Amino acid sequence: MSKTSIPKNYHDLLGLYDTQRAIGIIKTIFQEKLCAALHLKRVTAPLFVLNGSGLNDDLNGVERPVSFDVPCLDERAEVVHSLAKWKRYALAEYGFRPGQGLVTDMNAIRRDEELDNLHSIYVDQWDWEKVITAKDRTLPFLQETVRDIVDAVCSTADELRWKFPELKAIRLTREPTFITTQELEDLYPDLTPKERENAFTRAHGTVCIMQIGGQLKSGIRHDGRAPDYDDWTLNCDILFWHKPLDCALELSSMGIRVDADALRRQLDAAGCPQRAELPFHKLLLDGTLPLTMGGGIGQSRLCMLLLGSVHIGEVQASVWDKATREACAKAGIPLL
């Protein structure tokens, strides 16, 4: 069921042809800036992995992967939800050293996603991961990396406005404001987690919300996080205020990844200690895998932000329900 809402009097700023041109420019420029800022090399990544490998991302633990049989292997495979674990495995296999990292185009199908202005069952993002050292597993190191990513976003926006003067009204806050989920709950105790994000991002423009996944003092979690990739004490989401939709737009989920201690602790907290027996988890626990940090940055989300779009279907091709198609057609919004 669609939850699409189109702001009154909205119109796209570039038109269909120039929007396509701009999408290509955004994806080229931003990837170059991200690679330069974080010392990343582009690699090729899988669309699917074998069931039982432990390599797929479990997201919030309830989403069902799209799976299919592979007769020639007599096994089943599943389309990735993200590459959070595969990237760490690849860094070890490819021999990356501390300070070096990889980035790849990640395309996924999330069949259980609810459709609205910001969500589609098709996901496209830059998945990146880099090798770090034990001394890098700190909050200041996480925050420094967030600033580098935000700077790459804002620099891309600057170049895009130069190429398309129609976008001159789109301005981003360059300095992120950092806050933990517990601080956010203390600040807005009567609001839901999503309402807190909107209130705080409206006030500050660009926001980094840290420490997601663990239980807060209220007994709830700000948001779900799989227990076996991000360290819940050293992760974050990056949000920008999206004026056309009057809401916070989450552009990236990222973090310093679990070490052996954090993995055991979080598997116990999530009630799934048996995952420690999966192949990926064994490699992590025995020290075969390097210490890393990484995240995903939404490609369609970034295009929406920099183009002032109000529906993700303006910048990506997917499938939509009848109500969404009718609402967008009524507002004169072409869905790709």
Protein backbone atom coordinates (compact mmCIF):
# COMPACT_ATOMS: atom_id res chain seq x y z
CA MET A 1 0.00 0.00 0.00
CA SER A 2 1.45 3.34 -1.05
CA LYS A 3 2.02 6.20 1.37
CA THR A 4 2.96 8.69 -1.32
CA SER A 5 2.30 12.37 -0.64
CA ILE A 6 2.98 15.06 -3.25
CA PRO A 7 3.49 18.65 -1.98
CA LYS A 8 1.09 21.21 -3.39
CA ASN A 9 2.32 23.09 -6.49
CA TYR A 10 5.42 20.90 -6.83
CA HIS A 11 7.19 20.71 -10.17
CA ASP A 12 10.53 19.20 -11.08
CA LEU A 13 13.30 21.73 -11.64
CA LEU A 14 15.00 20.27 -14.71
CA GLY A 15 12.52 18.31 -16.79
CA LEU A 16 12.87 14.66 -17.74
CA TYR A 17 15.78 14.94 -20.20
CA ASP A 18 18.00 17.15 -18.06
CA THR A 19 17.13 15.13 -14.96
CA GLN A 20 18.65 12.10 -16.66
CA ARG A 21 21.75 14.11 -17.56
CA ALA A 22 22.04 15.35 -13.99
CA ILE A 23 21.72 11.84 -12.51
CA GLY A 24 24.69 10.71 -14.59
CA ILE A 25 26.75 13.72 -13.53
CA ILE A 26 25.91 13.24 -9.85
CA LYS A 27 26.90 9.58 -9.86
CA THR A 28 30.20 10.29 -11.63
CA ILE A 29 31.25 13.32 -9.59
CA PHE A 30 30.23 12.00 -6.18
CA GLN A 31 31.96 8.64 -6.60
CA GLU A 32 35.17 10.42 -7.59
CA LYS A 33 35.00 12.69 -4.55
CA LEU A 34 34.13 9.84 -2.19
CA CYS A 35 37.03 7.72 -3.44
CA ALA A 36 39.46 10.62 -3.07
CA ALA A 37 38.26 11.51 0.44
CA LEU A 38 38.26 7.96 1.86
CA HIS A 39 41.04 6.37 -0.28
CA LEU A 40 38.76 3.84 -2.00
CA LYS A 41 39.15 1.69 -5.11
CA ARG A 42 36.16 0.53 -7.12
CA VAL A 43 35.54 -3.25 -7.25
CA THR A 44 32.91 -5.55 -8.71
CA ALA A 45 30.44 -7.06 -6.25
CA PRO A 46 27.86 -9.86 -6.29
CA LEU A 47 24.12 -9.44 -6.83
CA PHE A 48 23.43 -12.65 -4.88
CA VAL A 49 25.13 -14.99 -2.40
CA LEU A 50 24.48 -18.59 -1.33
CA ASN A 51 22.04 -19.31 1.48
CA GLY A 52 23.75 -20.22 4.73
CA SER A 53 26.98 -18.39 3.97
CA GLY A 54 26.25 -15.71 6.55
CA LEU A 55 27.26 -13.06 4.01
CA ASN A 56 23.85 -11.47 3.44
CA ASP A 57 22.81 -8.44 5.49
CA ASP A 58 19.88 -9.22 7.80
CA LEU A 59 18.92 -5.52 8.08
CA ASN A 60 16.40 -5.39 10.93
CA GLY A 61 16.17 -9.17 11.14
CA VAL A 62 12.65 -9.49 9.71
CA GLU A 63 13.06 -8.69 6.01
CA ARG A 64 12.85 -11.70 3.67
CA PRO A 65 15.50 -11.98 0.95
CA VAL A 66 14.48 -12.83 -2.59
CA SER A 67 15.78 -16.37 -3.06
CA PHE A 68 15.95 -18.85 -5.92
CA ASP A 69 17.28 -22.32 -6.61
CA VAL A 70 20.49 -22.90 -8.58
CA PRO A 71 20.02 -26.38 -10.10
CA CYS A 72 23.63 -26.78 -11.28
CA LEU A 73 24.83 -26.28 -7.70
CA ASP A 74 21.95 -28.04 -5.99
CA GLU A 75 21.76 -25.04 -3.66
CA ARG A 76 19.70 -21.89 -3.15
CA ALA A 77 20.96 -18.36 -3.56
CA GLU A 78 19.50 -15.10 -2.32
CA VAL A 79 19.66 -11.53 -3.64
CA VAL A 80 21.72 -9.36 -1.31
CA HIS A 81 20.03 -6.85 0.97
CA SER A 82 23.33 -5.02 1.19
CA LEU A 83 27.00 -5.92 1.03
CA ALA A 84 27.91 -5.06 4.62
CA LYS A 85 29.52 -8.43 5.32
CA TRP A 86 30.71 -9.33 1.82
CA LYS A 87 32.82 -6.16 1.68
CA ARG A 88 34.74 -7.10 4.80
CA TYR A 89 35.39 -10.56 3.42
CA ALA A 90 36.55 -9.04 0.10
CA LEU A 91 39.00 -6.69 1.84
CA ALA A 92 40.70 -9.73 3.38
CA GLU A 93 40.68 -11.72 0.12
CA TYR A 94 42.02 -8.83 -1.99
CA GLY A 95 44.80 -7.91 0.46
CA PHE A 96 43.77 -4.35 1.28
CA ARG A 97 45.90 -2.67 3.96
CA PRO A 98 44.93 -0.23 6.76
CA GLY A 99 43.79 3.09 5.30
CA GLN A 100 42.77 1.47 2.00
CA GLY A 101 39.23 0.59 1.02
CA LEU A 102 36.80 -0.41 -1.70
CA VAL A 103 33.58 0.96 -3.13
CA THR A 104 31.07 -0.76 -5.37
CA ASP A 105 27.66 -0.22 -6.93
CA MET A 106 25.20 -2.25 -4.87
CA ASN A 107 21.86 -3.14 -6.45
CA ALA A 108 19.33 -5.02 -4.36
CA ILE A 109 15.69 -6.02 -4.10
CA ARG A 110 14.01 -5.51 -0.74
CA ARG A 111 10.67 -7.20 -1.26
CA ASP A 112 9.19 -6.19 2.13
CA GLU A 113 9.90 -2.47 1.81
CA GLU A 114 6.86 -0.20 2.21
CA LEU A 115 6.43 2.13 -0.75
CA ASP A 116 6.42 5.87 -0.15
CA ASN A 117 8.21 8.99 -1.40
CA LEU A 118 11.60 7.77 -0.18
CA HIS A 119 11.30 3.98 -0.36
CA SER A 120 11.25 1.50 -3.23
CA ILE A 121 11.71 -2.26 -3.42
CA TYR A 122 14.72 -1.51 -5.65
CA VAL A 123 17.80 -0.28 -3.80
CA ASP A 124 20.87 1.30 -5.40
CA GLN A 125 23.73 2.58 -3.30
CA TRP A 126 27.45 3.02 -3.09
CA ASP A 127 28.63 0.36 -0.66
CA TRP A 128 32.07 1.19 0.70
CA GLU A 129 34.41 -0.40 3.24
CA LYS A 130 37.96 0.31 4.37
CA VAL A 131 40.52 -1.39 6.58
CA ILE A 132 41.28 0.34 9.88
CA THR A 133 43.44 -0.37 12.92
CA ALA A 134 42.41 -0.98 16.52
CA LYS A 135 43.33 2.60 17.46
CA ASP A 136 40.88 3.87 14.82
CA ARG A 137 37.90 2.28 16.59
CA THR A 138 36.92 5.58 18.22
CA LEU A 139 34.13 8.13 18.05
CA PRO A 140 36.43 10.93 16.76
CA PHE A 141 37.55 8.73 13.86
CA LEU A 142 33.92 7.97 13.00
CA GLN A 143 33.04 11.68 13.10
CA GLU A 144 36.00 12.63 10.91
CA THR A 145 34.82 10.16 8.28
CA VAL A 146 31.27 11.53 8.45
CA ARG A 147 32.61 15.03 7.79
CA ASP A 148 34.51 13.74 4.74
CA ILE A 149 31.33 12.17 3.32
CA VAL A 150 29.22 15.27 3.96
CA ASP A 151 31.90 17.40 2.30
CA ALA A 152 31.81 15.12 -0.77
CA VAL A 153 28.01 15.52 -0.92
CA CYS A 154 28.16 19.31 -0.61
CA SER A 155 30.99 19.63 -3.13
CA THR A 156 28.97 17.57 -5.61
CA ALA A 157 26.01 19.90 -5.03
CA ASP A 158 28.24 22.92 -5.71
CA GLU A 159 29.37 21.52 -9.07
CA LEU A 160 25.84 20.52 -10.01
CA ARG A 161 24.52 24.04 -9.39
CA TRP A 162 27.25 25.40 -11.66
CA LYS A 163 26.12 23.07 -14.47
CA PHE A 164 22.38 23.57 -13.80
CA PRO A 165 21.55 27.10 -12.55
CA GLU A 166 17.93 25.97 -12.05
CA LEU A 167 19.15 24.21 -8.89
CA LYS A 168 20.56 27.35 -7.25
CA ALA A 169 17.94 27.32 -4.47
CA ILE A 170 19.10 23.90 -3.20
CA ARG A 171 21.55 24.61 -0.38
CA LEU A 172 22.97 22.11 2.10
CA THR A 173 24.43 22.61 5.57
CA ARG A 174 28.08 21.67 5.27
CA GLU A 175 28.89 21.05 8.95
CA PRO A 176 27.03 18.06 10.46
CA THR A 177 25.64 18.21 13.99
CA PHE A 178 26.36 15.05 15.99
CA ILE A 179 23.98 13.52 18.54
CA THR A 180 23.49 10.06 20.04
CA THR A 181 20.17 8.25 20.03
CA GLN A 182 19.99 8.53 23.83
CA GLU A 183 20.63 12.29 23.69
CA LEU A 184 17.92 12.53 21.05
CA GLU A 185 15.47 10.64 23.26
CA ASP A 186 16.35 12.84 26.24
CA LEU A 187 15.79 15.94 24.09
CA TYR A 188 12.43 14.80 22.68
CA PRO A 189 11.04 12.21 25.14
CA ASP A 190 7.45 12.54 23.90
CA LEU A 191 8.23 12.00 20.21
CA THR A 192 8.71 8.80 18.25
CA PRO A 193 12.22 8.06 16.93
CA LYS A 194 11.26 9.24 13.43
CA GLU A 195 9.66 12.41 14.79
CA ARG A 196 12.85 13.08 16.77
CA GLU A 197 14.92 12.77 13.62
CA ASN A 198 12.68 15.23 11.79
CA ALA A 199 12.65 17.76 14.63
CA PHE A 200 16.40 17.72 15.12
CA THR A 201 17.28 17.74 11.40
CA ARG A 202 14.83 20.59 10.76
CA ALA A 203 16.71 22.62 13.37
CA HIS A 204 20.24 21.75 12.23
CA GLY A 205 20.12 20.97 8.50
CA THR A 206 22.69 18.18 8.38
CA VAL A 207 22.76 15.64 11.20
CA CYS A 208 24.68 12.55 12.26
CA ILE A 209 22.71 10.32 14.66
CA MET A 210 25.05 7.92 16.48
CA GLN A 211 24.80 4.69 18.50
CA ILE A 212 21.89 2.95 16.77
CA GLY A 213 20.75 -0.57 17.59
CA GLY A 214 21.03 -0.85 21.35
CA GLN A 215 18.19 -0.41 23.81
CA LEU A 216 17.58 3.11 25.15
CA LYS A 217 16.63 4.08 28.71
CA SER A 218 12.98 4.00 27.69
CA GLY A 219 13.31 0.31 26.83
CA ILE A 220 12.91 0.84 23.07
CA ARG A 221 15.45 0.95 20.26
CA HIS A 222 15.79 4.03 18.10
CA ASP A 223 15.99 1.79 15.05
CA GLY A 224 16.88 -1.78 14.19
CA ARG A 225 20.41 -2.87 13.34
CA ALA A 226 21.68 -6.35 12.57
CA PRO A 227 23.99 -7.44 15.40
CA ASP A 228 26.82 -8.73 13.25
CA TYR A 229 28.18 -5.83 11.19
CA ASP A 230 28.05 -2.38 12.89
CA ASP A 231 29.30 -1.91 16.43
CA TRP A 232 26.20 -0.34 18.00
CA THR A 233 28.38 2.02 20.05
CA LEU A 234 30.29 3.25 16.97
CA ASN A 235 27.74 3.55 14.16
CA CYS A 236 25.53 6.30 12.77
CA ASP A 237 23.07 7.57 10.16
CA ILE A 238 23.69 10.74 8.13
CA LEU A 239 20.56 12.83 7.49
CA PHE A 240 19.93 15.99 5.48
CA TRP A 241 16.91 18.26 5.70
CA HIS A 242 14.92 17.85 2.49
CA LYS A 243 12.94 21.05 2.14
CA PRO A 244 10.60 20.00 -0.71
CA LEU A 245 9.27 17.09 1.41
CA ASP A 246 9.66 18.92 4.73
CA CYS A 247 11.40 15.92 6.28
CA ALA A 248 14.75 14.43 7.19
CA LEU A 249 16.25 12.37 4.38
CA GLU A 250 18.54 9.57 5.54
CA LEU A 251 21.36 9.41 3.02
CA SER A 252 23.71 6.95 4.67
CA SER A 253 23.89 4.24 7.30
CA MET A 254 27.47 3.51 8.33
CA GLY A 255 29.77 2.64 11.16
CA ILE A 256 32.85 1.00 12.55
CA ARG A 257 32.29 -2.74 12.27
CA VAL A 258 32.14 -5.24 15.08
CA ASP A 259 35.31 -6.79 16.43
CA ALA A 260 35.16 -10.22 18.07
CA ASP A 261 34.09 -8.85 21.47
CA ALA A 262 31.36 -6.63 20.03
CA LEU A 263 30.09 -9.46 17.84
CA ARG A 264 29.66 -11.84 20.78
CA ARG A 265 28.03 -9.12 22.89
CA GLN A 266 25.55 -8.09 20.21
CA LEU A 267 24.66 -11.63 19.14
CA ASP A 268 23.76 -12.35 22.76
CA ALA A 269 21.77 -9.11 23.05
CA ALA A 270 19.86 -9.94 19.86
CA GLY A 271 19.15 -13.50 21.03
CA CYS A 272 20.97 -15.19 18.17
CA PRO A 273 24.30 -16.49 19.53
CA GLN A 274 24.05 -19.46 17.14
CA ARG A 275 25.11 -17.21 14.27
CA ALA A 276 28.64 -17.45 15.62
CA GLU A 277 28.81 -20.84 13.87
CA LEU A 278 28.23 -19.39 10.39
CA PRO A 279 31.27 -19.28 8.08
CA PHE A 280 31.55 -15.47 7.97
CA HIS A 281 31.23 -15.16 11.74
CA LYS A 282 33.87 -17.82 12.36
CA LEU A 283 36.32 -15.89 10.17
CA LEU A 284 35.63 -12.76 12.18
CA LEU A 285 35.94 -14.45 15.56
CA ASP A 286 39.21 -16.19 14.72
CA GLY A 287 40.84 -12.97 13.51
CA THR A 288 40.97 -13.84 9.80
CA LEU A 289 38.97 -10.76 8.79
CA PRO A 290 40.47 -7.29 9.19
CA LEU A 291 39.07 -4.52 11.37
CA THR A 292 36.98 -2.28 9.12
CA MET A 293 34.49 0.54 8.87
CA GLY A 294 32.03 1.15 6.10
CA GLY A 295 28.54 1.99 5.01
CA GLY A 296 26.06 2.51 2.24
CA ILE A 297 25.17 5.80 0.54
CA GLY A 298 21.91 5.85 -1.38
CA GLN A 299 22.38 6.75 -5.03
CA SER A 300 18.73 7.56 -5.69
CA ARG A 301 18.49 9.33 -2.32
CA LEU A 302 21.45 11.55 -3.23
CA CYS A 303 19.87 12.38 -6.59
CA MET A 304 16.59 13.28 -4.86
CA LEU A 305 18.43 15.53 -2.42
CA LEU A 306 20.51 17.39 -5.01
CA LEU A 307 17.70 17.70 -7.59
CA GLY A 308 14.94 18.66 -5.13
CA SER A 309 12.82 15.66 -6.19
CA VAL A 310 9.87 14.61 -4.04
CA HIS A 311 9.50 11.00 -5.17
CA ILE A 312 12.22 8.40 -5.60
CA GLY A 313 10.52 7.22 -8.79
CA GLU A 314 11.66 10.47 -10.42
CA VAL A 315 15.28 9.31 -10.26
CA GLN A 316 15.09 5.48 -10.45
CA ALA A 317 13.12 2.87 -12.39
CA SER A 318 11.05 0.56 -10.18
CA VAL A 319 7.49 -0.73 -9.81
CA TRP A 320 4.67 1.15 -8.09
CA ASP A 321 1.12 0.51 -7.00
CA LYS A 322 -1.84 2.09 -8.77
CA ALA A 323 -2.38 4.76 -6.10
CA THR A 324 1.22 5.98 -6.42
CA ARG A 325 1.06 6.09 -10.20
CA GLU A 326 -2.20 8.03 -10.12
CA ALA A 327 -0.98 10.51 -7.48
CA CYS A 328 2.20 11.21 -9.44
CA ALA A 329 0.37 11.47 -12.77
CA LYS A 330 -2.09 13.96 -11.24
CA ALA A 331 0.84 16.09 -10.04
CA GLY A 332 2.56 15.89 -13.42
CA ILE A 333 5.44 13.77 -12.09
CA PRO A 334 6.86 11.25 -14.58
CA LEU A 335 7.93 7.99 -12.94
CA LEU A 336 10.93 6.41 -14.65
